[in-house]
Amino acid sequence: MEKLDIVLYPEAGLREICAPIPEMSDEIDKLIDDMFYTMYDAPGIGLAAPQIAVQQRLIVVDVSETKDQPIALINPEIIRSAGQIKWEEGCLSIPGVYGTVTRPSDIIVRGMDRDGKQIEFEANDLLAVCIQHEIDHLNGKLFVDHLSGLKRTRALQKFRKLMEEEQP
């Protein structure tokens, strides 16, 4: 497995709508392995292909404490949602910045698994939040877009300051 570079805001690719993946392939299977390796190393609980500069509809998530419940979804889509939950979100592409986002608490998601089979399942709470966050990436949307104008401005100013402090 290979650790991939995570692109950071304001990289233009983070704002692009990703292309569907027509079918499972060895290349996509390797990409899934590399994405899980990168996500766990970061450390994170979700990663979308555009975050590693691949403009395809692929996400990986694992919200388990023990990091042993990996889910890879190709061409994921939310087909039903209900409820409401507020969760403090962060993003591997905007490290060090967090914000409280309101999303549906219960979703039904459909996509292709890494075996090329269509699957559909229900997700709740943190898993639902994580899947929605990653699907947003596939549509060129970031978690900060869900914040009020003032909170978004402050979050992005904080991120810019953090990046400036890291420069030699």
Protein backbone atom coordinates (compact mmCIF):
# COMPACT_ATOMS: atom_id res chain seq x y z
CA MET A 1 0.00 0.00 0.00
CA GLU A 2 1.03 3.53 -0.71
CA LYS A 3 0.48 6.64 1.36
CA LEU A 4 -1.03 9.29 -0.89
CA ASP A 5 -0.72 13.06 -0.59
CA ILE A 6 -3.84 14.77 0.74
CA VAL A 7 -4.59 18.00 -1.10
CA LEU A 8 -5.32 21.05 1.02
CA TYR A 9 -7.81 23.88 0.68
CA PRO A 10 -7.98 25.98 -1.54
CA GLU A 11 -6.89 23.37 -4.15
CA ALA A 12 -9.29 23.81 -7.10
CA GLY A 13 -9.96 20.07 -7.41
CA LEU A 14 -11.76 20.15 -4.06
CA ARG A 15 -14.47 22.25 -5.74
CA GLU A 16 -15.01 19.99 -8.76
CA ILE A 17 -17.89 17.56 -9.25
CA CYS A 18 -16.37 14.10 -9.65
CA ALA A 19 -17.00 11.66 -12.48
CA PRO A 20 -18.77 8.34 -11.87
CA ILE A 21 -16.71 5.16 -11.94
CA PRO A 22 -18.16 2.90 -14.67
CA GLU A 23 -17.00 -0.42 -13.20
CA MET A 24 -14.75 -2.01 -10.64
CA SER A 25 -11.14 -2.62 -11.73
CA ASP A 26 -7.80 -3.66 -10.27
CA GLU A 27 -6.76 0.01 -10.43
CA ILE A 28 -9.78 1.09 -8.33
CA ASP A 29 -9.17 -1.81 -5.89
CA LYS A 30 -5.57 -0.62 -5.36
CA LEU A 31 -6.77 2.98 -5.01
CA ILE A 32 -9.20 1.86 -2.26
CA ASP A 33 -6.34 0.15 -0.37
CA ASP A 34 -4.15 3.24 -0.73
CA MET A 35 -6.99 5.51 0.41
CA PHE A 36 -7.61 3.43 3.55
CA TYR A 37 -3.87 3.43 4.32
CA THR A 38 -3.72 7.21 3.84
CA MET A 39 -6.88 7.84 5.90
CA TYR A 40 -5.74 5.69 8.83
CA ASP A 41 -2.28 7.27 8.76
CA ALA A 42 -3.64 10.87 8.74
CA PRO A 43 -5.48 9.92 11.10
CA GLY A 44 -9.03 10.33 9.86
CA ILE A 45 -12.39 8.57 9.70
CA GLY A 46 -13.18 9.32 6.05
CA LEU A 47 -11.49 10.21 2.80
CA ALA A 48 -12.87 11.07 -0.62
CA ALA A 49 -11.00 10.60 -3.90
CA PRO A 50 -10.79 14.34 -4.71
CA GLN A 51 -8.83 14.79 -1.47
CA ILE A 52 -6.03 12.79 -3.09
CA ALA A 53 -6.42 14.58 -6.45
CA VAL A 54 -8.51 11.83 -8.08
CA GLN A 55 -11.70 13.28 -9.56
CA GLN A 56 -13.77 10.10 -9.28
CA ARG A 57 -16.79 9.19 -7.14
CA LEU A 58 -15.11 7.06 -4.47
CA ILE A 59 -15.11 7.36 -0.68
CA VAL A 60 -13.70 5.32 2.18
CA VAL A 61 -14.85 5.56 5.79
CA ASP A 62 -14.25 3.80 9.10
CA VAL A 63 -15.75 5.39 12.21
CA SER A 64 -15.00 2.42 14.51
CA GLU A 65 -12.79 2.96 17.55
CA THR A 66 -10.73 -0.10 16.60
CA LYS A 67 -10.38 0.86 12.91
CA ASP A 68 -11.66 -2.54 11.79
CA GLN A 69 -14.92 -1.65 10.02
CA PRO A 70 -13.78 -0.19 6.70
CA ILE A 71 -16.43 0.80 4.16
CA ALA A 72 -15.55 1.67 0.56
CA LEU A 73 -18.30 3.10 -1.63
CA ILE A 74 -18.10 3.68 -5.36
CA ASN A 75 -20.62 6.15 -6.83
CA PRO A 76 -22.37 6.60 -3.47
CA GLU A 77 -25.70 8.37 -3.28
CA ILE A 78 -28.05 9.14 -0.43
CA ILE A 79 -31.48 7.87 -1.34
CA ARG A 80 -33.30 8.76 1.86
CA SER A 81 -32.59 10.91 4.90
CA ALA A 82 -34.38 11.76 8.12
CA GLY A 83 -33.81 13.35 11.49
CA GLN A 84 -31.26 15.96 12.40
CA ILE A 85 -27.95 15.92 14.22
CA LYS A 86 -25.33 18.53 15.01
CA TRP A 87 -21.75 17.32 14.90
CA GLU A 88 -18.40 19.05 15.16
CA GLU A 89 -16.70 18.24 11.88
CA GLY A 90 -13.16 18.58 10.69
CA CYS A 91 -11.51 17.71 7.39
CA LEU A 92 -8.17 16.26 6.36
CA SER A 93 -8.03 18.89 3.59
CA ILE A 94 -8.53 21.74 6.10
CA PRO A 95 -6.49 20.45 9.07
CA GLY A 96 -6.82 22.16 12.43
CA VAL A 97 -10.22 23.69 11.67
CA TYR A 98 -13.53 22.47 13.09
CA GLY A 99 -17.13 23.60 12.93
CA THR A 100 -20.54 22.39 14.05
CA VAL A 101 -22.60 21.22 11.09
CA THR A 102 -26.27 20.19 11.09
CA ARG A 103 -27.06 17.19 8.88
CA PRO A 104 -29.65 14.40 8.69
CA SER A 105 -29.02 11.88 11.46
CA ASP A 106 -30.30 8.84 9.56
CA ILE A 107 -29.61 8.06 5.91
CA ILE A 108 -29.94 5.24 3.47
CA VAL A 109 -27.00 5.15 1.11
CA ARG A 110 -26.52 3.20 -2.10
CA GLY A 111 -23.34 2.50 -4.01
CA MET A 112 -21.05 -0.15 -5.35
CA ASP A 113 -18.76 -2.06 -2.99
CA ARG A 114 -15.24 -3.09 -3.83
CA ASP A 115 -16.53 -6.40 -5.22
CA GLY A 116 -18.51 -4.46 -7.83
CA LYS A 117 -21.87 -5.29 -6.20
CA GLN A 118 -24.60 -2.70 -5.67
CA ILE A 119 -25.24 -2.32 -1.95
CA GLU A 120 -27.68 -0.29 0.09
CA PHE A 121 -27.61 0.24 3.84
CA GLU A 122 -28.76 2.48 6.64
CA ALA A 123 -26.32 4.69 8.51
CA ASN A 124 -26.94 6.68 11.68
CA ASP A 125 -25.24 9.33 13.76
CA LEU A 126 -21.45 9.55 13.22
CA LEU A 127 -21.43 7.10 10.30
CA ALA A 128 -24.24 9.06 8.61
CA VAL A 129 -22.39 12.35 9.20
CA CYS A 130 -19.12 10.92 7.85
CA ILE A 131 -20.70 9.48 4.70
CA GLN A 132 -22.52 12.76 3.99
CA HIS A 133 -19.29 14.73 4.54
CA GLU A 134 -17.41 12.52 2.08
CA ILE A 135 -20.20 12.56 -0.52
CA ASP A 136 -20.14 16.37 -0.27
CA HIS A 137 -16.49 16.19 -1.40
CA LEU A 138 -17.59 14.30 -4.53
CA ASN A 139 -19.89 17.22 -5.31
CA GLY A 140 -17.28 19.93 -4.75
CA LYS A 141 -18.59 20.93 -1.34
CA LEU A 142 -16.64 21.30 1.91
CA PHE A 143 -17.92 21.16 5.47
CA VAL A 144 -17.21 24.88 5.91
CA ASP A 145 -19.85 25.54 3.23
CA HIS A 146 -22.44 24.40 5.79
CA LEU A 147 -21.35 27.06 8.29
CA SER A 148 -22.78 30.56 8.53
CA GLY A 149 -20.89 33.20 6.55
CA LEU A 150 -19.17 34.58 9.65
CA LYS A 151 -18.17 31.16 11.02
CA ARG A 152 -16.91 30.07 7.59
CA THR A 153 -14.82 33.25 7.25
CA ARG A 154 -13.32 32.75 10.73
CA ALA A 155 -12.61 29.05 10.09
CA LEU A 156 -10.82 29.76 6.81
CA GLN A 157 -8.86 32.66 8.36
CA LYS A 158 -7.74 30.29 11.11
CA PHE A 159 -6.69 27.73 8.50
CA ARG A 160 -4.69 30.32 6.53
CA LYS A 161 -2.95 31.42 9.74
CA LEU A 162 -2.11 27.80 10.62
CA MET A 163 -0.64 27.28 7.13
CA GLU A 164 1.41 30.48 7.36
CA GLU A 165 2.83 29.36 10.72
CA GLU A 166 3.97 26.08 9.15
CA GLN A 167 5.92 27.86 6.38
CA PRO A 168 9.66 28.17 7.11
